[in-house]
């Protein structure tokens, strides 16, 4: 089963879920706000994609952090701590594909190749 992780009111997550539905791809949704960030999954995302990809350093949540908090994010461990404390800082959606692969963000062309 494919799992889409994110926040339901995020425009990119909405587009991604709609794209999957339009292409007949069954999936489940994991809501960071209601269900929290699964720690074991976060560890897999950081290992597979790298903390620089998983942490959205262009988003509102990142920009709202004080400069010191942003400066402390220098590796996977510090990124993990930040993501657990502030799930909205994770780039969305994070998709755990049926084959075990992980993607971060919405990429219709890349997704088309996966299905």
Foldseek 3Di string as FASTA:
>chain_A
DKEKEEAVVDPQSVVQVVLCVVVVHDYYYHHCVPRNDPLVVLVVCCVQPNLVQQFQCPDPVNVPDDPVLNVQPDGSVSSSVVCRVPVNRTAGIWMQDPVRHIDGTDDVVVVVVVD
